[in-house]
Amino acid sequence: MPTTRKFSELSRSARRDPGRAERINSAKTRALGEHASYRLAELRRALGVTQSELAELIGRSQSAVSQIETGEIGLSLEVLRAIVAQLGGDLEVSAVFEDRRVKIEA
């Protein structure tokens, strides 16, 4: 009969192996980046802005906007700030800890 283990135990075990820990962190970072990129694309479409229009507003190519939205290229804070501003918003950055959240003025 197979034994069961709690996820927290599996996670701790995996993170003890440096190679596995690096792969886990890399996958997590990639997934979070893809999620953020997808959300930006979703917002752009909801506002009725084309990739070409956004590209012109932020001084990038349409191809670069497409690559950002699909997660093919990384999204720097500078580019994210430009995109959000051109879509009519303000970007707020916070560092989140177990016991507090600190707004970062960047």
PDB file of N, CA and C in Angstrom:
ATOM      1  N   MET A   1       0.845  -1.178   0.000  1.00  0.00           N
ATOM      2  CA  MET A   1       0.000   0.000   0.000  1.00  0.00           C
ATOM      3  C   MET A   1       0.892   1.244   0.000  1.00  0.00           C
ATOM      4  N   PRO A   2       0.632   2.189  -0.918  1.00  0.00           N
ATOM      5  CA  PRO A   2       1.482   3.374  -0.989  1.00  0.00           C
ATOM      6  C   PRO A   2       1.313   4.254   0.253  1.00  0.00           C
ATOM      7  N   THR A   3       2.416   4.876   0.624  1.00  0.00           N
ATOM      8  CA  THR A   3       2.347   5.802   1.756  1.00  0.00           C
ATOM      9  C   THR A   3       2.010   7.187   1.240  1.00  0.00           C
ATOM     10  N   THR A   4       1.424   7.975   2.094  1.00  0.00           N
ATOM     11  CA  THR A   4       1.109   9.351   1.716  1.00  0.00           C
ATOM     12  C   THR A   4       1.995  10.287   2.519  1.00  0.00           C
ATOM     13  N   ARG A   5       2.334  11.408   1.890  1.00  0.00           N
ATOM     14  CA  ARG A   5       3.142  12.426   2.552  1.00  0.00           C
ATOM     15  C   ARG A   5       2.487  13.775   2.329  1.00  0.00           C
ATOM     16  N   LYS A   6       2.635  14.615   3.298  1.00  0.00           N
ATOM     17  CA  LYS A   6       2.088  15.962   3.177  1.00  0.00           C
ATOM     18  C   LYS A   6       2.887  16.734   2.131  1.00  0.00           C
ATOM     19  N   PHE A   7       2.200  17.667   1.461  1.00  0.00           N
ATOM     20  CA  PHE A   7       2.869  18.483   0.454  1.00  0.00           C
ATOM     21  C   PHE A   7       4.020  19.261   1.072  1.00  0.00           C
ATOM     22  N   SER A   8       3.820  19.783   2.278  1.00  0.00           N
ATOM     23  CA  SER A   8       4.880  20.559   2.932  1.00  0.00           C
ATOM     24  C   SER A   8       6.143  19.717   3.122  1.00  0.00           C
ATOM     25  N   GLU A   9       5.980  18.430   3.416  1.00  0.00           N
ATOM     26  CA  GLU A   9       7.137  17.538   3.561  1.00  0.00           C
ATOM     27  C   GLU A   9       7.836  17.336   2.219  1.00  0.00           C
ATOM     28  N   LEU A  10       7.054  17.138   1.174  1.00  0.00           N
ATOM     29  CA  LEU A  10       7.626  16.969  -0.161  1.00  0.00           C
ATOM     30  C   LEU A  10       8.368  18.226  -0.591  1.00  0.00           C
ATOM     31  N   SER A  11       7.773  19.374  -0.312  1.00  0.00           N
ATOM     32  CA  SER A  11       8.376  20.647  -0.683  1.00  0.00           C
ATOM     33  C   SER A  11       9.709  20.852   0.034  1.00  0.00           C
ATOM     34  N   ARG A  12       9.728  20.599   1.338  1.00  0.00           N
ATOM     35  CA  ARG A  12      10.980  20.738   2.105  1.00  0.00           C
ATOM     36  C   ARG A  12      12.046  19.793   1.557  1.00  0.00           C
ATOM     37  N   SER A  13      11.651  18.587   1.273  1.00  0.00           N
ATOM     38  CA  SER A  13      12.581  17.587   0.746  1.00  0.00           C
ATOM     39  C   SER A  13      13.153  18.039  -0.598  1.00  0.00           C
ATOM     40  N   ALA A  14      12.303  18.534  -1.457  1.00  0.00           N
ATOM     41  CA  ALA A  14      12.738  18.979  -2.783  1.00  0.00           C
ATOM     42  C   ALA A  14      13.681  20.165  -2.681  1.00  0.00           C
ATOM     43  N   ARG A  15      13.420  21.070  -1.762  1.00  0.00           N
ATOM     44  CA  ARG A  15      14.245  22.273  -1.643  1.00  0.00           C
ATOM     45  C   ARG A  15      15.619  21.994  -1.023  1.00  0.00           C
ATOM     46  N   ARG A  16      15.781  20.846  -0.388  1.00  0.00           N
ATOM     47  CA  ARG A  16      17.095  20.476   0.162  1.00  0.00           C
ATOM     48  C   ARG A  16      18.077  20.120  -0.955  1.00  0.00           C
ATOM     49  N   ASP A  17      17.563  19.697  -2.084  1.00  0.00           N
ATOM     50  CA  ASP A  17      18.400  19.369  -3.241  1.00  0.00           C
ATOM     51  C   ASP A  17      18.573  20.656  -4.048  1.00  0.00           C
ATOM     52  N   PRO A  18      19.796  21.215  -4.112  1.00  0.00           N
ATOM     53  CA  PRO A  18      19.999  22.499  -4.796  1.00  0.00           C
ATOM     54  C   PRO A  18      19.510  22.509  -6.244  1.00  0.00           C
ATOM     55  N   GLY A  19      19.719  21.425  -6.962  1.00  0.00           N
ATOM     56  CA  GLY A  19      19.272  21.366  -8.357  1.00  0.00           C
ATOM     57  C   GLY A  19      17.759  21.425  -8.471  1.00  0.00           C
ATOM     58  N   ARG A  20      17.081  20.649  -7.639  1.00  0.00           N
ATOM     59  CA  ARG A  20      15.607  20.656  -7.650  1.00  0.00           C
ATOM     60  C   ARG A  20      15.079  22.000  -7.182  1.00  0.00           C
ATOM     61  N   ALA A  21      15.714  22.571  -6.162  1.00  0.00           N
ATOM     62  CA  ALA A  21      15.270  23.868  -5.649  1.00  0.00           C
ATOM     63  C   ALA A  21      15.366  24.927  -6.743  1.00  0.00           C
ATOM     64  N   GLU A  22      16.448  24.903  -7.511  1.00  0.00           N
ATOM     65  CA  GLU A  22      16.626  25.869  -8.597  1.00  0.00           C
ATOM     66  C   GLU A  22      15.557  25.672  -9.668  1.00  0.00           C
ATOM     67  N   ARG A  23      15.264  24.428 -10.019  1.00  0.00           N
ATOM     68  CA  ARG A  23      14.227  24.166 -11.025  1.00  0.00           C
ATOM     69  C   ARG A  23      12.853  24.608 -10.529  1.00  0.00           C
ATOM     70  N   ILE A  24      12.568  24.391  -9.254  1.00  0.00           N
ATOM     71  CA  ILE A  24      11.289  24.822  -8.675  1.00  0.00           C
ATOM     72  C   ILE A  24      11.179  26.340  -8.719  1.00  0.00           C
ATOM     73  N   ASN A  25      12.231  27.031  -8.289  1.00  0.00           N
ATOM     74  CA  ASN A  25      12.210  28.495  -8.287  1.00  0.00           C
ATOM     75  C   ASN A  25      12.103  29.054  -9.696  1.00  0.00           C
ATOM     76  N   SER A  26      12.801  28.435 -10.632  1.00  0.00           N
ATOM     77  CA  SER A  26      12.747  28.879 -12.022  1.00  0.00           C
ATOM     78  C   SER A  26      11.336  28.710 -12.589  1.00  0.00           C
ATOM     79  N   ALA A  27      10.720  27.575 -12.329  1.00  0.00           N
ATOM     80  CA  ALA A  27       9.356  27.332 -12.818  1.00  0.00           C
ATOM     81  C   ALA A  27       8.368  28.300 -12.181  1.00  0.00           C
ATOM     82  N   LYS A  28       8.541  28.568 -10.893  1.00  0.00           N
ATOM     83  CA  LYS A  28       7.657  29.507 -10.200  1.00  0.00           C
ATOM     84  C   LYS A  28       7.790  30.905 -10.790  1.00  0.00           C
ATOM     85  N   THR A  29       9.024  31.356 -10.990  1.00  0.00           N
ATOM     86  CA  THR A  29       9.261  32.682 -11.562  1.00  0.00           C
ATOM     87  C   THR A  29       8.663  32.778 -12.957  1.00  0.00           C
ATOM     88  N   ARG A  30       8.871  31.741 -13.771  1.00  0.00           N
ATOM     89  CA  ARG A  30       8.338  31.734 -15.136  1.00  0.00           C
ATOM     90  C   ARG A  30       6.811  31.772 -15.127  1.00  0.00           C
ATOM     91  N   ALA A  31       6.190  30.993 -14.258  1.00  0.00           N
ATOM     92  CA  ALA A  31       4.724  30.955 -14.180  1.00  0.00           C
ATOM     93  C   ALA A  31       4.158  32.295 -13.740  1.00  0.00           C
ATOM     94  N   LEU A  32       4.783  32.917 -12.753  1.00  0.00           N
ATOM     95  CA  LEU A  32       4.302  34.225 -12.291  1.00  0.00           C
ATOM     96  C   LEU A  32       4.459  35.276 -13.380  1.00  0.00           C
ATOM     97  N   GLY A  33       5.570  35.225 -14.109  1.00  0.00           N
ATOM     98  CA  GLY A  33       5.782  36.166 -15.203  1.00  0.00           C
ATOM     99  C   GLY A  33       4.771  35.992 -16.316  1.00  0.00           C
ATOM    100  N   GLU A  34       4.480  34.742 -16.656  1.00  0.00           N
ATOM    101  CA  GLU A  34       3.491  34.470 -17.697  1.00  0.00           C
ATOM    102  C   GLU A  34       2.111  34.937 -17.265  1.00  0.00           C
ATOM    103  N   HIS A  35       1.791  34.772 -15.996  1.00  0.00           N
ATOM    104  CA  HIS A  35       0.495  35.222 -15.485  1.00  0.00           C
ATOM    105  C   HIS A  35       0.390  36.742 -15.587  1.00  0.00           C
ATOM    106  N   ALA A  36       1.439  37.453 -15.183  1.00  0.00           N
ATOM    107  CA  ALA A  36       1.429  38.915 -15.256  1.00  0.00           C
ATOM    108  C   ALA A  36       1.310  39.371 -16.706  1.00  0.00           C
ATOM    109  N   SER A  37       2.040  38.719 -17.599  1.00  0.00           N
ATOM    110  CA  SER A  37       1.984  39.080 -19.014  1.00  0.00           C
ATOM    111  C   SER A  37       0.590  38.854 -19.580  1.00  0.00           C
ATOM    112  N   TYR A  38      -0.022  37.733 -19.222  1.00  0.00           N
ATOM    113  CA  TYR A  38      -1.376  37.439 -19.685  1.00  0.00           C
ATOM    114  C   TYR A  38      -2.353  38.490 -19.177  1.00  0.00           C
ATOM    115  N   ARG A  39      -2.213  38.891 -17.927  1.00  0.00           N
ATOM    116  CA  ARG A  39      -3.108  39.896 -17.354  1.00  0.00           C
ATOM    117  C   ARG A  39      -2.960  41.233 -18.075  1.00  0.00           C
ATOM    118  N   LEU A  40      -1.737  41.586 -18.454  1.00  0.00           N
ATOM    119  CA  LEU A  40      -1.528  42.825 -19.204  1.00  0.00           C
ATOM    120  C   LEU A  40      -2.211  42.752 -20.566  1.00  0.00           C
ATOM    121  N   ALA A  41      -2.089  41.626 -21.239  1.00  0.00           N
ATOM    122  CA  ALA A  41      -2.733  41.456 -22.541  1.00  0.00           C
ATOM    123  C   ALA A  41      -4.246  41.549 -22.395  1.00  0.00           C
ATOM    124  N   GLU A  42      -4.759  40.929 -21.354  1.00  0.00           N
ATOM    125  CA  GLU A  42      -6.197  40.954 -21.069  1.00  0.00           C
ATOM    126  C   GLU A  42      -6.673  42.397 -20.840  1.00  0.00           C
ATOM    127  N   LEU A  43      -5.913  43.157 -20.069  1.00  0.00           N
ATOM    128  CA  LEU A  43      -6.248  44.554 -19.793  1.00  0.00           C
ATOM    129  C   LEU A  43      -6.203  45.384 -21.068  1.00  0.00           C
ATOM    130  N   ARG A  44      -5.155  45.193 -21.866  1.00  0.00           N
ATOM    131  CA  ARG A  44      -5.014  45.947 -23.116  1.00  0.00           C
ATOM    132  C   ARG A  44      -6.219  45.705 -24.017  1.00  0.00           C
ATOM    133  N   ARG A  45      -6.603  44.442 -24.163  1.00  0.00           N
ATOM    134  CA  ARG A  45      -7.760  44.121 -25.017  1.00  0.00           C
ATOM    135  C   ARG A  45      -9.049  44.716 -24.456  1.00  0.00           C
ATOM    136  N   ALA A  46      -9.216  44.653 -23.144  1.00  0.00           N
ATOM    137  CA  ALA A  46     -10.430  45.199 -22.516  1.00  0.00           C
ATOM    138  C   ALA A  46     -10.547  46.701 -22.744  1.00  0.00           C
ATOM    139  N   LEU A  47      -9.411  47.372 -22.846  1.00  0.00           N
ATOM    140  CA  LEU A  47      -9.414  48.818 -23.077  1.00  0.00           C
ATOM    141  C   LEU A  47      -9.492  49.168 -24.562  1.00  0.00           C
ATOM    142  N   GLY A  48      -9.515  48.150 -25.415  1.00  0.00           N
ATOM    143  CA  GLY A  48      -9.641  48.378 -26.850  1.00  0.00           C
ATOM    144  C   GLY A  48      -8.385  48.918 -27.502  1.00  0.00           C
ATOM    145  N   VAL A  49      -7.230  48.595 -26.941  1.00  0.00           N
ATOM    146  CA  VAL A  49      -5.954  49.062 -27.482  1.00  0.00           C
ATOM    147  C   VAL A  49      -5.289  47.892 -28.202  1.00  0.00           C
ATOM    148  N   THR A  50      -4.806  48.134 -29.410  1.00  0.00           N
ATOM    149  CA  THR A  50      -4.118  47.075 -30.150  1.00  0.00           C
ATOM    150  C   THR A  50      -2.662  46.988 -29.702  1.00  0.00           C
ATOM    151  N   GLN A  51      -2.034  45.880 -30.037  1.00  0.00           N
ATOM    152  CA  GLN A  51      -0.609  45.739 -29.734  1.00  0.00           C
ATOM    153  C   GLN A  51       0.195  46.826 -30.440  1.00  0.00           C
ATOM    154  N   SER A  52      -0.162  47.127 -31.669  1.00  0.00           N
ATOM    155  CA  SER A  52       0.554  48.155 -32.431  1.00  0.00           C
ATOM    156  C   SER A  52       0.415  49.523 -31.780  1.00  0.00           C
ATOM    157  N   GLU A  53      -0.795  49.842 -31.328  1.00  0.00           N
ATOM    158  CA  GLU A  53      -1.011  51.132 -30.662  1.00  0.00           C
ATOM    159  C   GLU A  53      -0.204  51.224 -29.370  1.00  0.00           C
ATOM    160  N   LEU A  54      -0.233  50.171 -28.578  1.00  0.00           N
ATOM    161  CA  LEU A  54       0.526  50.169 -27.331  1.00  0.00           C
ATOM    162  C   LEU A  54       2.022  50.263 -27.615  1.00  0.00           C
ATOM    163  N   ALA A  55       2.477  49.535 -28.615  1.00  0.00           N
ATOM    164  CA  ALA A  55       3.897  49.563 -28.979  1.00  0.00           C
ATOM    165  C   ALA A  55       4.344  50.984 -29.300  1.00  0.00           C
ATOM    166  N   GLU A  56       3.539  51.697 -30.072  1.00  0.00           N
ATOM    167  CA  GLU A  56       3.873  53.076 -30.423  1.00  0.00           C
ATOM    168  C   GLU A  56       3.914  53.961 -29.180  1.00  0.00           C
ATOM    169  N   LEU A  57       2.964  53.767 -28.282  1.00  0.00           N
ATOM    170  CA  LEU A  57       2.899  54.582 -27.064  1.00  0.00           C
ATOM    171  C   LEU A  57       4.102  54.379 -26.146  1.00  0.00           C
ATOM    172  N   ILE A  58       4.630  53.152 -26.102  1.00  0.00           N
ATOM    173  CA  ILE A  58       5.745  52.874 -25.184  1.00  0.00           C
ATOM    174  C   ILE A  58       7.100  52.824 -25.892  1.00  0.00           C
ATOM    175  N   GLY A  59       7.113  53.120 -27.183  1.00  0.00           N
ATOM    176  CA  GLY A  59       8.380  53.164 -27.912  1.00  0.00           C
ATOM    177  C   GLY A  59       9.010  51.804 -28.160  1.00  0.00           C
ATOM    178  N   ARG A  60       8.186  50.803 -28.374  1.00  0.00           N
ATOM    179  CA  ARG A  60       8.666  49.445 -28.666  1.00  0.00           C
ATOM    180  C   ARG A  60       8.007  48.976 -29.964  1.00  0.00           C
ATOM    181  N   SER A  61       8.436  47.837 -30.457  1.00  0.00           N
ATOM    182  CA  SER A  61       7.807  47.278 -31.654  1.00  0.00           C
ATOM    183  C   SER A  61       6.579  46.463 -31.260  1.00  0.00           C
ATOM    184  N   GLN A  62       5.695  46.244 -32.232  1.00  0.00           N
ATOM    185  CA  GLN A  62       4.524  45.398 -31.990  1.00  0.00           C
ATOM    186  C   GLN A  62       4.976  43.999 -31.626  1.00  0.00           C
ATOM    187  N   SER A  63       6.046  43.545 -32.259  1.00  0.00           N
ATOM    188  CA  SER A  63       6.593  42.223 -31.971  1.00  0.00           C
ATOM    189  C   SER A  63       7.045  42.124 -30.514  1.00  0.00           C
ATOM    190  N   ALA A  64       7.667  43.183 -29.997  1.00  0.00           N
ATOM    191  CA  ALA A  64       8.112  43.186 -28.593  1.00  0.00           C
ATOM    192  C   ALA A  64       6.914  43.113 -27.653  1.00  0.00           C
ATOM    193  N   VAL A  65       5.846  43.848 -27.964  1.00  0.00           N
ATOM    194  CA  VAL A  65       4.639  43.799 -27.131  1.00  0.00           C
ATOM    195  C   VAL A  65       4.065  42.385 -27.144  1.00  0.00           C
ATOM    196  N   SER A  66       4.032  41.766 -28.312  1.00  0.00           N
ATOM    197  CA  SER A  66       3.541  40.393 -28.417  1.00  0.00           C
ATOM    198  C   SER A  66       4.390  39.448 -27.571  1.00  0.00           C
ATOM    199  N   GLN A  67       5.701  39.598 -27.640  1.00  0.00           N
ATOM    200  CA  GLN A  67       6.604  38.737 -26.867  1.00  0.00           C
ATOM    201  C   GLN A  67       6.445  38.963 -25.368  1.00  0.00           C
ATOM    202  N   ILE A  68       6.192  40.191 -24.961  1.00  0.00           N
ATOM    203  CA  ILE A  68       5.940  40.488 -23.545  1.00  0.00           C
ATOM    204  C   ILE A  68       4.658  39.790 -23.107  1.00  0.00           C
ATOM    205  N   GLU A  69       3.622  39.901 -23.920  1.00  0.00           N
ATOM    206  CA  GLU A  69       2.316  39.342 -23.562  1.00  0.00           C
ATOM    207  C   GLU A  69       2.301  37.816 -23.531  1.00  0.00           C
ATOM    208  N   THR A  70       3.178  37.197 -24.277  1.00  0.00           N
ATOM    209  CA  THR A  70       3.232  35.733 -24.268  1.00  0.00           C
ATOM    210  C   THR A  70       4.290  35.203 -23.307  1.00  0.00           C
ATOM    211  N   GLY A  71       5.007  36.112 -22.661  1.00  0.00           N
ATOM    212  CA  GLY A  71       6.022  35.705 -21.698  1.00  0.00           C
ATOM    213  C   GLY A  71       7.324  35.260 -22.336  1.00  0.00           C
ATOM    214  N   GLU A  72       7.482  35.496 -23.645  1.00  0.00           N
ATOM    215  CA  GLU A  72       8.711  35.091 -24.333  1.00  0.00           C
ATOM    216  C   GLU A  72       9.906  35.924 -23.893  1.00  0.00           C
ATOM    217  N   ILE A  73       9.660  37.194 -23.578  1.00  0.00           N
ATOM    218  CA  ILE A  73      10.730  38.043 -23.057  1.00  0.00           C
ATOM    219  C   ILE A  73      10.290  38.584 -21.707  1.00  0.00           C
ATOM    220  N   GLY A  74      11.263  38.829 -20.873  1.00  0.00           N
ATOM    221  CA  GLY A  74      10.986  39.313 -19.525  1.00  0.00           C
ATOM    222  C   GLY A  74      10.411  40.714 -19.535  1.00  0.00           C
ATOM    223  N   LEU A  75       9.755  41.032 -18.469  1.00  0.00           N
ATOM    224  CA  LEU A  75       9.101  42.324 -18.328  1.00  0.00           C
ATOM    225  C   LEU A  75       9.813  43.102 -17.233  1.00  0.00           C
ATOM    226  N   SER A  76      10.545  44.143 -17.625  1.00  0.00           N
ATOM    227  CA  SER A  76      11.245  44.952 -16.632  1.00  0.00           C
ATOM    228  C   SER A  76      10.258  45.894 -15.949  1.00  0.00           C
ATOM    229  N   LEU A  77      10.646  46.375 -14.796  1.00  0.00           N
ATOM    230  CA  LEU A  77       9.807  47.316 -14.061  1.00  0.00           C
ATOM    231  C   LEU A  77       9.585  48.584 -14.881  1.00  0.00           C
ATOM    232  N   GLU A  78      10.614  49.015 -15.590  1.00  0.00           N
ATOM    233  CA  GLU A  78      10.523  50.218 -16.425  1.00  0.00           C
ATOM    234  C   GLU A  78       9.470  50.050 -17.527  1.00  0.00           C
ATOM    235  N   VAL A  79       9.501  48.923 -18.215  1.00  0.00           N
ATOM    236  CA  VAL A  79       8.536  48.671 -19.295  1.00  0.00           C
ATOM    237  C   VAL A  79       7.138  48.484 -18.717  1.00  0.00           C
ATOM    238  N   LEU A  80       7.034  47.771 -17.611  1.00  0.00           N
ATOM    239  CA  LEU A  80       5.737  47.582 -16.967  1.00  0.00           C
ATOM    240  C   LEU A  80       5.133  48.922 -16.571  1.00  0.00           C
ATOM    241  N   ARG A  81       5.945  49.798 -15.988  1.00  0.00           N
ATOM    242  CA  ARG A  81       5.466  51.126 -15.596  1.00  0.00           C
ATOM    243  C   ARG A  81       4.970  51.905 -16.825  1.00  0.00           C
ATOM    244  N   ALA A  82       5.716  51.834 -17.935  1.00  0.00           N
ATOM    245  CA  ALA A  82       5.318  52.539 -19.160  1.00  0.00           C
ATOM    246  C   ALA A  82       3.999  51.995 -19.700  1.00  0.00           C
ATOM    247  N   ILE A  83       3.852  50.683 -19.715  1.00  0.00           N
ATOM    248  CA  ILE A  83       2.615  50.073 -20.213  1.00  0.00           C
ATOM    249  C   ILE A  83       1.427  50.497 -19.363  1.00  0.00           C
ATOM    250  N   VAL A  84       1.564  50.367 -18.052  1.00  0.00           N
ATOM    251  CA  VAL A  84       0.464  50.717 -17.149  1.00  0.00           C
ATOM    252  C   VAL A  84       0.104  52.193 -17.293  1.00  0.00           C
ATOM    253  N   ALA A  85       1.102  53.053 -17.374  1.00  0.00           N
ATOM    254  CA  ALA A  85       0.846  54.492 -17.521  1.00  0.00           C
ATOM    255  C   ALA A  85       0.114  54.783 -18.827  1.00  0.00           C
ATOM    256  N   GLN A  86       0.538  54.160 -19.921  1.00  0.00           N
ATOM    257  CA  GLN A  86      -0.102  54.413 -21.211  1.00  0.00           C
ATOM    258  C   GLN A  86      -1.510  53.837 -21.284  1.00  0.00           C
ATOM    259  N   LEU A  87      -1.796  52.857 -20.441  1.00  0.00           N
ATOM    260  CA  LEU A  87      -3.156  52.315 -20.386  1.00  0.00           C
ATOM    261  C   LEU A  87      -4.017  53.078 -19.381  1.00  0.00           C
ATOM    262  N   GLY A  88      -3.424  54.122 -18.767  1.00  0.00           N
ATOM    263  CA  GLY A  88      -4.198  55.001 -17.891  1.00  0.00           C
ATOM    264  C   GLY A  88      -4.122  54.678 -16.413  1.00  0.00           C
ATOM    265  N   GLY A  89      -3.167  53.863 -16.012  1.00  0.00           N
ATOM    266  CA  GLY A  89      -3.080  53.481 -14.603  1.00  0.00           C
ATOM    267  C   GLY A  89      -1.788  53.916 -13.949  1.00  0.00           C
ATOM    268  N   ASP A  90      -1.690  53.643 -12.671  1.00  0.00           N
ATOM    269  CA  ASP A  90      -0.480  53.883 -11.891  1.00  0.00           C
ATOM    270  C   ASP A  90       0.013  52.543 -11.371  1.00  0.00           C
ATOM    271  N   LEU A  91       1.306  52.345 -11.417  1.00  0.00           N
ATOM    272  CA  LEU A  91       1.891  51.103 -10.930  1.00  0.00           C
ATOM    273  C   LEU A  91       2.326  51.278  -9.485  1.00  0.00           C
ATOM    274  N   GLU A  92       1.902  50.363  -8.629  1.00  0.00           N
ATOM    275  CA  GLU A  92       2.325  50.353  -7.235  1.00  0.00           C
ATOM    276  C   GLU A  92       3.096  49.064  -6.994  1.00  0.00           C
ATOM    277  N   VAL A  93       4.245  49.190  -6.356  1.00  0.00           N
ATOM    278  CA  VAL A  93       5.081  48.026  -6.070  1.00  0.00           C
ATOM    279  C   VAL A  93       5.185  47.875  -4.562  1.00  0.00           C
ATOM    280  N   SER A  94       4.954  46.673  -4.083  1.00  0.00           N
ATOM    281  CA  SER A  94       5.034  46.392  -2.651  1.00  0.00           C
ATOM    282  C   SER A  94       5.884  45.154  -2.413  1.00  0.00           C
ATOM    283  N   ALA A  95       6.593  45.179  -1.295  1.00  0.00           N
ATOM    284  CA  ALA A  95       7.300  43.986  -0.820  1.00  0.00           C
ATOM    285  C   ALA A  95       6.421  43.383   0.266  1.00  0.00           C
ATOM    286  N   VAL A  96       6.096  42.113   0.138  1.00  0.00           N
ATOM    287  CA  VAL A  96       5.182  41.463   1.075  1.00  0.00           C
ATOM    288  C   VAL A  96       5.962  40.477   1.939  1.00  0.00           C
ATOM    289  N   PHE A  97       5.838  40.654   3.243  1.00  0.00           N
ATOM    290  CA  PHE A  97       6.477  39.784   4.220  1.00  0.00           C
ATOM    291  C   PHE A  97       5.383  39.093   5.024  1.00  0.00           C
ATOM    292  N   GLU A  98       5.763  38.155   5.854  1.00  0.00           N
ATOM    293  CA  GLU A  98       4.766  37.443   6.656  1.00  0.00           C
ATOM    294  C   GLU A  98       3.944  38.393   7.511  1.00  0.00           C
ATOM    295  N   ASP A  99       4.600  39.393   8.082  1.00  0.00           N
ATOM    296  CA  ASP A  99       3.917  40.258   9.045  1.00  0.00           C
ATOM    297  C   ASP A  99       3.625  41.670   8.542  1.00  0.00           C
ATOM    298  N   ARG A 100       4.021  41.989   7.322  1.00  0.00           N
ATOM    299  CA  ARG A 100       3.767  43.352   6.841  1.00  0.00           C
ATOM    300  C   ARG A 100       3.940  43.442   5.323  1.00  0.00           C
ATOM    301  N   ARG A 101       3.446  44.555   4.814  1.00  0.00           N
ATOM    302  CA  ARG A 101       3.579  44.899   3.402  1.00  0.00           C
ATOM    303  C   ARG A 101       4.216  46.283   3.358  1.00  0.00           C
ATOM    304  N   VAL A 102       5.255  46.430   2.546  1.00  0.00           N
ATOM    305  CA  VAL A 102       5.969  47.696   2.453  1.00  0.00           C
ATOM    306  C   VAL A 102       5.858  48.204   1.025  1.00  0.00           C
ATOM    307  N   LYS A 103       5.281  49.402   0.860  1.00  0.00           N
ATOM    308  CA  LYS A 103       5.180  50.003  -0.464  1.00  0.00           C
ATOM    309  C   LYS A 103       6.556  50.526  -0.852  1.00  0.00           C
ATOM    310  N   ILE A 104       6.974  50.186  -2.049  1.00  0.00           N
ATOM    311  CA  ILE A 104       8.282  50.606  -2.536  1.00  0.00           C
ATOM    312  C   ILE A 104       8.076  51.729  -3.536  1.00  0.00           C
ATOM    313  N   GLU A 105       8.706  52.842  -3.274  1.00  0.00           N
ATOM    314  CA  GLU A 105       8.652  53.978  -4.199  1.00  0.00           C
ATOM    315  C   GLU A 105       9.747  53.754  -5.232  1.00  0.00           C
ATOM    316  N   ALA A 106       9.351  53.338  -6.413  1.00  0.00           N
ATOM    317  CA  ALA A 106      10.358  53.050  -7.441  1.00  0.00           C
ATOM    318  C   ALA A 106      10.060  53.813  -8.706  1.00  0.00           C
TER     319      ALA A 106
END
